[in-house]
């Protein structure tokens, strides 16, 4: 009910009715703490695209004398992707401890698409435009493959029910960090292209990856913070910064390759064990 002030003839709504309206707000329109962290994830992903454009692509198109990937802007873009990964890790932990809104899962998928799909794919695209030995059109195809892999990965995550504690396919944050690590290693174009396509395949594969919970979540958070330090050292040309960055990126790539091998070996051993048990049960 609107009340008219006799002095000003202006309408106003009693505070009690405003509180009632807030209580009547649909649950789907209320943001939880976890949702706020998820929006932070999306913001970091968008800003990563911004710094990749303004700090790397535009100077290159304007004929800047700095060749290759501009250190400060590349480091800033990747640090923002790392921050997005922290937000993505924390929003899941908070959602399990506190309540999550009905639109939490949708927000999470949309934010992941920006931060771990669009941002790394755009990073690959820009790399193909500024690197001396790269081929722009081929890099564009690789970027599209990365983006579509993340789209399919997130869509399947919403539809497929996995056993507790496991992901099917490389998680998109891990995949995004592996893709940018490959680019930052500054390998020849063909090995870089093949490695990026390999990561895209792993994201849509059926390889099982453990969810970051408990000690694994702490280890992942520590790894991300350490990666930020390596990027900062490299960006400001600290002594040994380049070597440290290359070592960190190489470890990320090796980790991305080793986990599927362990997962495959575990599945093979489980299959063999089940066959042995079945044969034993068939014996008289």
C-alpha atoms as a PDB file:
ATOM      1  CA  UNK A   1       0.000   0.000   0.000  1.00  0.00           C
ATOM      2  CA  UNK A   2       1.323   3.463  -0.949  1.00  0.00           C
ATOM      3  CA  UNK A   3       0.883   6.287   1.613  1.00  0.00           C
ATOM      4  CA  UNK A   4       0.632   9.938   0.492  1.00  0.00           C
ATOM      5  CA  UNK A   5       2.526  12.480   2.581  1.00  0.00           C
ATOM      6  CA  UNK A   6       0.048  15.403   3.143  1.00  0.00           C
ATOM      7  CA  UNK A   7       2.870  18.002   3.176  1.00  0.00           C
ATOM      8  CA  UNK A   8       4.822  16.954   0.072  1.00  0.00           C
ATOM      9  CA  UNK A   9       2.104  14.924  -1.714  1.00  0.00           C
ATOM     10  CA  UNK A  10       4.818  12.358  -2.372  1.00  0.00           C
ATOM     11  CA  UNK A  11       4.139   8.666  -2.158  1.00  0.00           C
ATOM     12  CA  UNK A  12       6.100   6.267   0.043  1.00  0.00           C
ATOM     13  CA  UNK A  13       5.850   2.630   1.064  1.00  0.00           C
ATOM     14  CA  UNK A  14       5.936   1.720   4.756  1.00  0.00           C
ATOM     15  CA  UNK A  15       9.144  -0.032   5.834  1.00  0.00           C
ATOM     16  CA  UNK A  16       7.200  -3.032   7.102  1.00  0.00           C
ATOM     17  CA  UNK A  17       5.833  -3.641   3.604  1.00  0.00           C
ATOM     18  CA  UNK A  18       9.319  -3.372   2.086  1.00  0.00           C
ATOM     19  CA  UNK A  19      10.487  -6.066   4.488  1.00  0.00           C
ATOM     20  CA  UNK A  20       7.510  -8.200   3.504  1.00  0.00           C
ATOM     21  CA  UNK A  21       8.400  -7.734  -0.168  1.00  0.00           C
ATOM     22  CA  UNK A  22      11.973  -8.858   0.555  1.00  0.00           C
ATOM     23  CA  UNK A  23      10.674 -11.925   2.328  1.00  0.00           C
ATOM     24  CA  UNK A  24       8.374 -12.632  -0.627  1.00  0.00           C
ATOM     25  CA  UNK A  25      11.289 -12.454  -3.104  1.00  0.00           C
ATOM     26  CA  UNK A  26      11.633 -15.771  -4.943  1.00  0.00           C
ATOM     27  CA  UNK A  27      14.483 -17.948  -3.695  1.00  0.00           C
ATOM     28  CA  UNK A  28      15.878 -18.081  -7.231  1.00  0.00           C
ATOM     29  CA  UNK A  29      16.579 -14.309  -7.054  1.00  0.00           C
ATOM     30  CA  UNK A  30      18.556 -14.355  -3.797  1.00  0.00           C
ATOM     31  CA  UNK A  31      22.343 -14.512  -3.991  1.00  0.00           C
ATOM     32  CA  UNK A  32      24.230 -16.547  -1.424  1.00  0.00           C
ATOM     33  CA  UNK A  33      27.838 -16.017  -0.297  1.00  0.00           C
ATOM     34  CA  UNK A  34      28.892 -18.818  -2.640  1.00  0.00           C
ATOM     35  CA  UNK A  35      27.143 -17.044  -5.534  1.00  0.00           C
ATOM     36  CA  UNK A  36      29.089 -13.854  -4.792  1.00  0.00           C
ATOM     37  CA  UNK A  37      32.347 -15.792  -5.024  1.00  0.00           C
ATOM     38  CA  UNK A  38      31.152 -17.287  -8.311  1.00  0.00           C
ATOM     39  CA  UNK A  39      30.532 -13.790  -9.697  1.00  0.00           C
ATOM     40  CA  UNK A  40      34.082 -12.916  -8.644  1.00  0.00           C
ATOM     41  CA  UNK A  41      35.202 -15.838 -10.795  1.00  0.00           C
ATOM     42  CA  UNK A  42      33.372 -14.414 -13.835  1.00  0.00           C
ATOM     43  CA  UNK A  43      34.787 -10.930 -13.216  1.00  0.00           C
ATOM     44  CA  UNK A  44      38.358 -12.241 -13.120  1.00  0.00           C
ATOM     45  CA  UNK A  45      37.811 -14.112 -16.379  1.00  0.00           C
ATOM     46  CA  UNK A  46      36.484 -11.023 -18.134  1.00  0.00           C
ATOM     47  CA  UNK A  47      39.355  -8.867 -16.849  1.00  0.00           C
ATOM     48  CA  UNK A  48      41.834 -11.483 -18.085  1.00  0.00           C
ATOM     49  CA  UNK A  49      40.401 -10.988 -21.590  1.00  0.00           C
ATOM     50  CA  UNK A  50      40.651  -7.209 -21.105  1.00  0.00           C
ATOM     51  CA  UNK A  51      44.343  -7.263 -20.145  1.00  0.00           C
ATOM     52  CA  UNK A  52      45.160  -9.718 -22.930  1.00  0.00           C
ATOM     53  CA  UNK A  53      43.581  -7.293 -25.403  1.00  0.00           C
ATOM     54  CA  UNK A  54      44.884  -3.967 -24.119  1.00  0.00           C
ATOM     55  CA  UNK A  55      48.324  -5.141 -23.012  1.00  0.00           C
ATOM     56  CA  UNK A  56      49.265  -7.670 -25.705  1.00  0.00           C
ATOM     57  CA  UNK A  57      47.060  -7.517 -28.796  1.00  0.00           C
ATOM     58  CA  UNK A  58      46.566  -3.759 -29.232  1.00  0.00           C
ATOM     59  CA  UNK A  59      50.277  -2.857 -28.740  1.00  0.00           C
ATOM     60  CA  UNK A  60      51.174  -5.563 -31.273  1.00  0.00           C
ATOM     61  CA  UNK A  61      48.690  -4.187 -33.823  1.00  0.00           C
ATOM     62  CA  UNK A  62      50.081  -0.686 -33.236  1.00  0.00           C
ATOM     63  CA  UNK A  63      53.609  -1.878 -34.013  1.00  0.00           C
ATOM     64  CA  UNK A  64      55.023  -1.905 -30.501  1.00  0.00           C
ATOM     65  CA  UNK A  65      58.743  -2.657 -30.346  1.00  0.00           C
ATOM     66  CA  UNK A  66      58.207  -5.284 -27.648  1.00  0.00           C
ATOM     67  CA  UNK A  67      58.094  -8.637 -29.395  1.00  0.00           C
ATOM     68  CA  UNK A  68      56.248 -11.762 -28.333  1.00  0.00           C
ATOM     69  CA  UNK A  69      54.021 -11.867 -25.264  1.00  0.00           C
ATOM     70  CA  UNK A  70      54.209  -8.626 -23.246  1.00  0.00           C
ATOM     71  CA  UNK A  71      55.342  -9.732 -19.807  1.00  0.00           C
ATOM     72  CA  UNK A  72      53.333  -7.518 -17.509  1.00  0.00           C
ATOM     73  CA  UNK A  73      50.033  -7.907 -19.325  1.00  0.00           C
ATOM     74  CA  UNK A  74      50.462 -11.635 -19.923  1.00  0.00           C
ATOM     75  CA  UNK A  75      51.290 -12.149 -16.259  1.00  0.00           C
ATOM     76  CA  UNK A  76      48.314 -10.028 -15.182  1.00  0.00           C
ATOM     77  CA  UNK A  77      45.940 -11.980 -17.427  1.00  0.00           C
ATOM     78  CA  UNK A  78      47.162 -15.347 -16.142  1.00  0.00           C
ATOM     79  CA  UNK A  79      47.109 -14.174 -12.512  1.00  0.00           C
ATOM     80  CA  UNK A  80      43.461 -13.187 -13.023  1.00  0.00           C
ATOM     81  CA  UNK A  81      42.734 -16.693 -14.332  1.00  0.00           C
ATOM     82  CA  UNK A  82      44.475 -18.091 -11.255  1.00  0.00           C
ATOM     83  CA  UNK A  83      42.328 -15.851  -9.051  1.00  0.00           C
ATOM     84  CA  UNK A  84      39.262 -17.130 -10.903  1.00  0.00           C
ATOM     85  CA  UNK A  85      40.384 -20.664 -10.030  1.00  0.00           C
ATOM     86  CA  UNK A  86      40.639 -19.646  -6.358  1.00  0.00           C
ATOM     87  CA  UNK A  87      37.102 -18.217  -6.464  1.00  0.00           C
ATOM     88  CA  UNK A  88      35.901 -21.413  -8.164  1.00  0.00           C
ATOM     89  CA  UNK A  89      37.546 -23.547  -5.491  1.00  0.00           C
ATOM     90  CA  UNK A  90      36.217 -21.451  -2.632  1.00  0.00           C
ATOM     91  CA  UNK A  91      32.620 -21.141  -3.870  1.00  0.00           C
ATOM     92  CA  UNK A  92      32.289 -24.929  -3.846  1.00  0.00           C
ATOM     93  CA  UNK A  93      33.699 -25.182  -0.326  1.00  0.00           C
ATOM     94  CA  UNK A  94      31.427 -22.382   0.913  1.00  0.00           C
ATOM     95  CA  UNK A  95      28.376 -23.889  -0.802  1.00  0.00           C
ATOM     96  CA  UNK A  96      28.973 -27.182   1.012  1.00  0.00           C
ATOM     97  CA  UNK A  97      29.380 -25.460   4.385  1.00  0.00           C
ATOM     98  CA  UNK A  98      26.622 -22.865   3.974  1.00  0.00           C
ATOM     99  CA  UNK A  99      23.481 -22.700   1.887  1.00  0.00           C
ATOM    100  CA  UNK A 100      23.596 -22.220  -1.871  1.00  0.00           C
ATOM    101  CA  UNK A 101      20.904 -20.555  -3.961  1.00  0.00           C
ATOM    102  CA  UNK A 102      18.871 -22.461  -6.578  1.00  0.00           C
ATOM    103  CA  UNK A 103      20.760 -20.723  -9.374  1.00  0.00           C
ATOM    104  CA  UNK A 104      24.187 -21.502  -7.917  1.00  0.00           C
ATOM    105  CA  UNK A 105      24.944 -24.357 -10.310  1.00  0.00           C
ATOM    106  CA  UNK A 106      23.958 -22.283 -13.358  1.00  0.00           C
ATOM    107  CA  UNK A 107      26.038 -19.319 -12.206  1.00  0.00           C
ATOM    108  CA  UNK A 108      29.007 -21.623 -11.656  1.00  0.00           C
ATOM    109  CA  UNK A 109      28.822 -23.066 -15.183  1.00  0.00           C
ATOM    110  CA  UNK A 110      28.432 -19.650 -16.813  1.00  0.00           C
ATOM    111  CA  UNK A 111      31.323 -18.184 -14.827  1.00  0.00           C
ATOM    112  CA  UNK A 112      33.544 -21.171 -15.611  1.00  0.00           C
ATOM    113  CA  UNK A 113      32.769 -20.734 -19.298  1.00  0.00           C
ATOM    114  CA  UNK A 114      34.083 -17.156 -19.161  1.00  0.00           C
ATOM    115  CA  UNK A 115      37.152 -17.750 -16.994  1.00  0.00           C
ATOM    116  CA  UNK A 116      38.233 -21.221 -18.119  1.00  0.00           C
ATOM    117  CA  UNK A 117      36.768 -21.331 -21.633  1.00  0.00           C
ATOM    118  CA  UNK A 118      36.752 -17.886 -23.211  1.00  0.00           C
ATOM    119  CA  UNK A 119      39.810 -16.435 -21.419  1.00  0.00           C
ATOM    120  CA  UNK A 120      42.320 -19.246 -22.196  1.00  0.00           C
ATOM    121  CA  UNK A 121      40.938 -19.706 -25.731  1.00  0.00           C
ATOM    122  CA  UNK A 122      41.394 -15.982 -26.352  1.00  0.00           C
ATOM    123  CA  UNK A 123      44.906 -16.216 -24.883  1.00  0.00           C
ATOM    124  CA  UNK A 124      45.741 -18.925 -27.440  1.00  0.00           C
ATOM    125  CA  UNK A 125      44.237 -16.819 -30.237  1.00  0.00           C
ATOM    126  CA  UNK A 126      46.295 -13.756 -29.316  1.00  0.00           C
ATOM    127  CA  UNK A 127      49.397 -15.922 -29.008  1.00  0.00           C
ATOM    128  CA  UNK A 128      48.829 -17.018 -32.597  1.00  0.00           C
ATOM    129  CA  UNK A 129      48.704 -13.370 -33.658  1.00  0.00           C
ATOM    130  CA  UNK A 130      51.774 -12.051 -31.820  1.00  0.00           C
ATOM    131  CA  UNK A 131      54.245 -14.957 -31.716  1.00  0.00           C
ATOM    132  CA  UNK A 132      56.912 -14.834 -34.405  1.00  0.00           C
ATOM    133  CA  UNK A 133      56.630 -18.458 -35.568  1.00  0.00           C
ATOM    134  CA  UNK A 134      52.856 -18.883 -35.044  1.00  0.00           C
ATOM    135  CA  UNK A 135      50.173 -19.236 -37.702  1.00  0.00           C
ATOM    136  CA  UNK A 136      47.175 -17.068 -36.912  1.00  0.00           C
ATOM    137  CA  UNK A 137      44.467 -19.137 -38.610  1.00  0.00           C
ATOM    138  CA  UNK A 138      45.711 -22.423 -37.183  1.00  0.00           C
ATOM    139  CA  UNK A 139      45.897 -20.857 -33.721  1.00  0.00           C
ATOM    140  CA  UNK A 140      42.333 -19.598 -34.177  1.00  0.00           C
ATOM    141  CA  UNK A 141      41.177 -23.148 -34.877  1.00  0.00           C
ATOM    142  CA  UNK A 142      43.002 -24.382 -31.764  1.00  0.00           C
ATOM    143  CA  UNK A 143      41.365 -21.610 -29.715  1.00  0.00           C
ATOM    144  CA  UNK A 144      37.912 -22.634 -30.959  1.00  0.00           C
ATOM    145  CA  UNK A 145      38.670 -26.264 -30.068  1.00  0.00           C
ATOM    146  CA  UNK A 146      39.626 -25.231 -26.516  1.00  0.00           C
ATOM    147  CA  UNK A 147      36.456 -23.166 -26.154  1.00  0.00           C
ATOM    148  CA  UNK A 148      34.200 -25.953 -27.469  1.00  0.00           C
ATOM    149  CA  UNK A 149      35.936 -28.505 -25.246  1.00  0.00           C
ATOM    150  CA  UNK A 150      35.086 -26.418 -22.185  1.00  0.00           C
ATOM    151  CA  UNK A 151      31.496 -25.939 -23.386  1.00  0.00           C
ATOM    152  CA  UNK A 152      31.064 -29.705 -23.821  1.00  0.00           C
ATOM    153  CA  UNK A 153      32.864 -30.384 -20.544  1.00  0.00           C
ATOM    154  CA  UNK A 154      30.535 -28.107 -18.575  1.00  0.00           C
ATOM    155  CA  UNK A 155      27.399 -29.368 -20.349  1.00  0.00           C
ATOM    156  CA  UNK A 156      28.321 -32.978 -19.608  1.00  0.00           C
ATOM    157  CA  UNK A 157      29.057 -32.093 -15.988  1.00  0.00           C
ATOM    158  CA  UNK A 158      25.469 -30.870 -15.649  1.00  0.00           C
ATOM    159  CA  UNK A 159      23.996 -34.018 -17.192  1.00  0.00           C
ATOM    160  CA  UNK A 160      26.218 -36.919 -16.098  1.00  0.00           C
ATOM    161  CA  UNK A 161      26.232 -38.220 -12.536  1.00  0.00           C
ATOM    162  CA  UNK A 162      29.680 -39.385 -11.428  1.00  0.00           C
ATOM    163  CA  UNK A 163      30.641 -41.301  -8.325  1.00  0.00           C
ATOM    164  CA  UNK A 164      31.352 -39.089  -5.344  1.00  0.00           C
ATOM    165  CA  UNK A 165      34.761 -37.445  -5.256  1.00  0.00           C
ATOM    166  CA  UNK A 166      35.538 -37.763  -8.978  1.00  0.00           C
ATOM    167  CA  UNK A 167      35.276 -35.681 -12.163  1.00  0.00           C
ATOM    168  CA  UNK A 168      34.968 -37.164 -15.643  1.00  0.00           C
ATOM    169  CA  UNK A 169      37.478 -35.424 -17.864  1.00  0.00           C
ATOM    170  CA  UNK A 170      40.053 -32.827 -16.898  1.00  0.00           C
ATOM    171  CA  UNK A 171      38.344 -30.088 -14.820  1.00  0.00           C
ATOM    172  CA  UNK A 172      38.061 -26.838 -16.764  1.00  0.00           C
ATOM    173  CA  UNK A 173      40.133 -24.721 -14.291  1.00  0.00           C
ATOM    174  CA  UNK A 174      42.962 -27.261 -14.440  1.00  0.00           C
ATOM    175  CA  UNK A 175      42.663 -27.398 -18.217  1.00  0.00           C
ATOM    176  CA  UNK A 176      42.744 -23.612 -18.562  1.00  0.00           C
ATOM    177  CA  UNK A 177      45.864 -23.294 -16.398  1.00  0.00           C
ATOM    178  CA  UNK A 178      47.541 -26.072 -18.375  1.00  0.00           C
ATOM    179  CA  UNK A 179      46.749 -24.353 -21.687  1.00  0.00           C
ATOM    180  CA  UNK A 180      48.223 -21.013 -20.614  1.00  0.00           C
ATOM    181  CA  UNK A 181      51.243 -22.802 -19.118  1.00  0.00           C
ATOM    182  CA  UNK A 182      51.897 -24.408 -22.497  1.00  0.00           C
ATOM    183  CA  UNK A 183      51.730 -21.008 -24.186  1.00  0.00           C
ATOM    184  CA  UNK A 184      54.019 -19.366 -21.610  1.00  0.00           C
ATOM    185  CA  UNK A 185      56.678 -22.032 -22.159  1.00  0.00           C
ATOM    186  CA  UNK A 186      57.209 -20.427 -25.608  1.00  0.00           C
ATOM    187  CA  UNK A 187      57.903 -23.716 -27.338  1.00  0.00           C
ATOM    188  CA  UNK A 188      57.906 -23.964 -31.157  1.00  0.00           C
ATOM    189  CA  UNK A 189      54.455 -23.498 -32.656  1.00  0.00           C
ATOM    190  CA  UNK A 190      53.728 -27.098 -33.675  1.00  0.00           C
ATOM    191  CA  UNK A 191      54.497 -28.671 -30.247  1.00  0.00           C
ATOM    192  CA  UNK A 192      52.499 -25.874 -28.593  1.00  0.00           C
ATOM    193  CA  UNK A 193      49.543 -26.509 -30.896  1.00  0.00           C
ATOM    194  CA  UNK A 194      49.613 -30.286 -30.319  1.00  0.00           C
ATOM    195  CA  UNK A 195      49.865 -29.860 -26.551  1.00  0.00           C
ATOM    196  CA  UNK A 196      46.927 -27.420 -26.487  1.00  0.00           C
ATOM    197  CA  UNK A 197      44.808 -29.813 -28.542  1.00  0.00           C
ATOM    198  CA  UNK A 198      45.819 -32.636 -26.206  1.00  0.00           C
ATOM    199  CA  UNK A 199      44.530 -30.683 -23.203  1.00  0.00           C
ATOM    200  CA  UNK A 200      41.264 -29.990 -25.044  1.00  0.00           C
ATOM    201  CA  UNK A 201      40.869 -33.730 -25.660  1.00  0.00           C
ATOM    202  CA  UNK A 202      41.540 -34.518 -21.992  1.00  0.00           C
ATOM    203  CA  UNK A 203      38.758 -32.133 -20.943  1.00  0.00           C
ATOM    204  CA  UNK A 204      36.168 -34.073 -22.957  1.00  0.00           C
ATOM    205  CA  UNK A 205      37.672 -37.505 -22.246  1.00  0.00           C
ATOM    206  CA  UNK A 206      36.383 -40.055 -19.739  1.00  0.00           C
ATOM    207  CA  UNK A 207      39.550 -39.948 -17.644  1.00  0.00           C
ATOM    208  CA  UNK A 208      38.647 -39.591 -13.970  1.00  0.00           C
ATOM    209  CA  UNK A 209      40.128 -36.772 -11.906  1.00  0.00           C
ATOM    210  CA  UNK A 210      39.779 -36.423  -8.117  1.00  0.00           C
ATOM    211  CA  UNK A 211      37.792 -33.478  -6.791  1.00  0.00           C
ATOM    212  CA  UNK A 212      39.847 -30.951  -4.763  1.00  0.00           C
ATOM    213  CA  UNK A 213      38.673 -31.590  -1.224  1.00  0.00           C
ATOM    214  CA  UNK A 214      40.454 -31.632   2.095  1.00  0.00           C
ATOM    215  CA  UNK A 215      44.231 -31.920   1.745  1.00  0.00           C
ATOM    216  CA  UNK A 216      43.971 -31.898  -2.045  1.00  0.00           C
ATOM    217  CA  UNK A 217      42.131 -28.551  -1.962  1.00  0.00           C
ATOM    218  CA  UNK A 218      44.818 -27.056   0.300  1.00  0.00           C
ATOM    219  CA  UNK A 219      47.531 -28.377  -2.020  1.00  0.00           C
ATOM    220  CA  UNK A 220      45.776 -26.909  -5.044  1.00  0.00           C
ATOM    221  CA  UNK A 221      45.373 -23.526  -3.347  1.00  0.00           C
ATOM    222  CA  UNK A 222      49.063 -23.523  -2.366  1.00  0.00           C
ATOM    223  CA  UNK A 223      50.032 -24.410  -5.929  1.00  0.00           C
ATOM    224  CA  UNK A 224      47.968 -21.524  -7.344  1.00  0.00           C
ATOM    225  CA  UNK A 225      49.464 -19.006  -4.898  1.00  0.00           C
ATOM    226  CA  UNK A 226      52.946 -20.263  -5.763  1.00  0.00           C
ATOM    227  CA  UNK A 227      52.176 -19.881  -9.473  1.00  0.00           C
ATOM    228  CA  UNK A 228      51.149 -16.273  -8.858  1.00  0.00           C
ATOM    229  CA  UNK A 229      54.531 -15.644  -7.226  1.00  0.00           C
ATOM    230  CA  UNK A 230      56.349 -17.162 -10.208  1.00  0.00           C
ATOM    231  CA  UNK A 231      54.355 -15.004 -12.617  1.00  0.00           C
ATOM    232  CA  UNK A 232      55.094 -11.867 -10.600  1.00  0.00           C
ATOM    233  CA  UNK A 233      58.818 -12.659 -10.537  1.00  0.00           C
ATOM    234  CA  UNK A 234      58.799 -13.215 -14.289  1.00  0.00           C
ATOM    235  CA  UNK A 235      56.763 -10.081 -15.000  1.00  0.00           C
ATOM    236  CA  UNK A 236      59.138  -7.813 -13.065  1.00  0.00           C
ATOM    237  CA  UNK A 237      62.238  -9.500 -14.527  1.00  0.00           C
ATOM    238  CA  UNK A 238      63.486 -10.726 -11.160  1.00  0.00           C
ATOM    239  CA  UNK A 239      66.771 -12.692 -11.154  1.00  0.00           C
ATOM    240  CA  UNK A 240      65.962 -16.214 -12.235  1.00  0.00           C
ATOM    241  CA  UNK A 241      62.318 -15.269 -12.797  1.00  0.00           C
ATOM    242  CA  UNK A 242      62.193 -16.693 -16.304  1.00  0.00           C
ATOM    243  CA  UNK A 243      63.706 -19.995 -15.202  1.00  0.00           C
ATOM    244  CA  UNK A 244      61.292 -20.211 -12.275  1.00  0.00           C
ATOM    245  CA  UNK A 245      58.327 -19.515 -14.552  1.00  0.00           C
ATOM    246  CA  UNK A 246      59.415 -22.129 -17.078  1.00  0.00           C
ATOM    247  CA  UNK A 247      59.902 -24.650 -14.277  1.00  0.00           C
ATOM    248  CA  UNK A 248      56.437 -23.936 -12.855  1.00  0.00           C
ATOM    249  CA  UNK A 249      54.781 -24.138 -16.278  1.00  0.00           C
ATOM    250  CA  UNK A 250      56.608 -27.375 -17.065  1.00  0.00           C
ATOM    251  CA  UNK A 251      55.437 -28.889 -13.769  1.00  0.00           C
ATOM    252  CA  UNK A 252      51.848 -27.907 -14.578  1.00  0.00           C
ATOM    253  CA  UNK A 253      52.081 -29.556 -18.000  1.00  0.00           C
ATOM    254  CA  UNK A 254      53.718 -32.692 -16.580  1.00  0.00           C
ATOM    255  CA  UNK A 255      51.054 -32.899 -13.892  1.00  0.00           C
ATOM    256  CA  UNK A 256      48.364 -32.608 -16.546  1.00  0.00           C
ATOM    257  CA  UNK A 257      49.923 -35.524 -18.441  1.00  0.00           C
ATOM    258  CA  UNK A 258      50.715 -37.745 -15.450  1.00  0.00           C
ATOM    259  CA  UNK A 259      47.271 -37.725 -13.789  1.00  0.00           C
ATOM    260  CA  UNK A 260      45.561 -39.373 -16.805  1.00  0.00           C
ATOM    261  CA  UNK A 261      48.282 -42.045 -16.868  1.00  0.00           C
ATOM    262  CA  UNK A 262      47.717 -42.872 -13.202  1.00  0.00           C
ATOM    263  CA  UNK A 263      43.944 -42.808 -13.682  1.00  0.00           C
ATOM    264  CA  UNK A 264      44.184 -45.137 -16.693  1.00  0.00           C
ATOM    265  CA  UNK A 265      46.526 -47.511 -14.848  1.00  0.00           C
ATOM    266  CA  UNK A 266      44.120 -47.595 -11.909  1.00  0.00           C
ATOM    267  CA  UNK A 267      41.159 -48.413 -14.167  1.00  0.00           C
ATOM    268  CA  UNK A 268      43.133 -51.192 -15.865  1.00  0.00           C
ATOM    269  CA  UNK A 269      44.146 -52.675 -12.505  1.00  0.00           C
ATOM    270  CA  UNK A 270      40.539 -52.488 -11.278  1.00  0.00           C
ATOM    271  CA  UNK A 271      39.306 -54.203 -14.451  1.00  0.00           C
ATOM    272  CA  UNK A 272      41.878 -56.957 -14.108  1.00  0.00           C
ATOM    273  CA  UNK A 273      41.001 -57.415 -10.448  1.00  0.00           C
ATOM    274  CA  UNK A 274      37.319 -57.742 -11.268  1.00  0.00           C
ATOM    275  CA  UNK A 275      38.079 -60.330 -13.953  1.00  0.00           C
ATOM    276  CA  UNK A 276      40.185 -62.370 -11.540  1.00  0.00           C
ATOM    277  CA  UNK A 277      37.401 -62.280  -8.933  1.00  0.00           C
ATOM    278  CA  UNK A 278      34.847 -63.359 -11.561  1.00  0.00           C
ATOM    279  CA  UNK A 279      37.034 -66.273 -12.656  1.00  0.00           C
ATOM    280  CA  UNK A 280      37.607 -67.318  -9.053  1.00  0.00           C
ATOM    281  CA  UNK A 281      33.872 -67.263  -8.390  1.00  0.00           C
ATOM    282  CA  UNK A 282      33.255 -69.493 -11.419  1.00  0.00           C
ATOM    283  CA  UNK A 283      35.662 -72.178 -10.197  1.00  0.00           C
ATOM    284  CA  UNK A 284      34.042 -75.156  -8.416  1.00  0.00           C
END
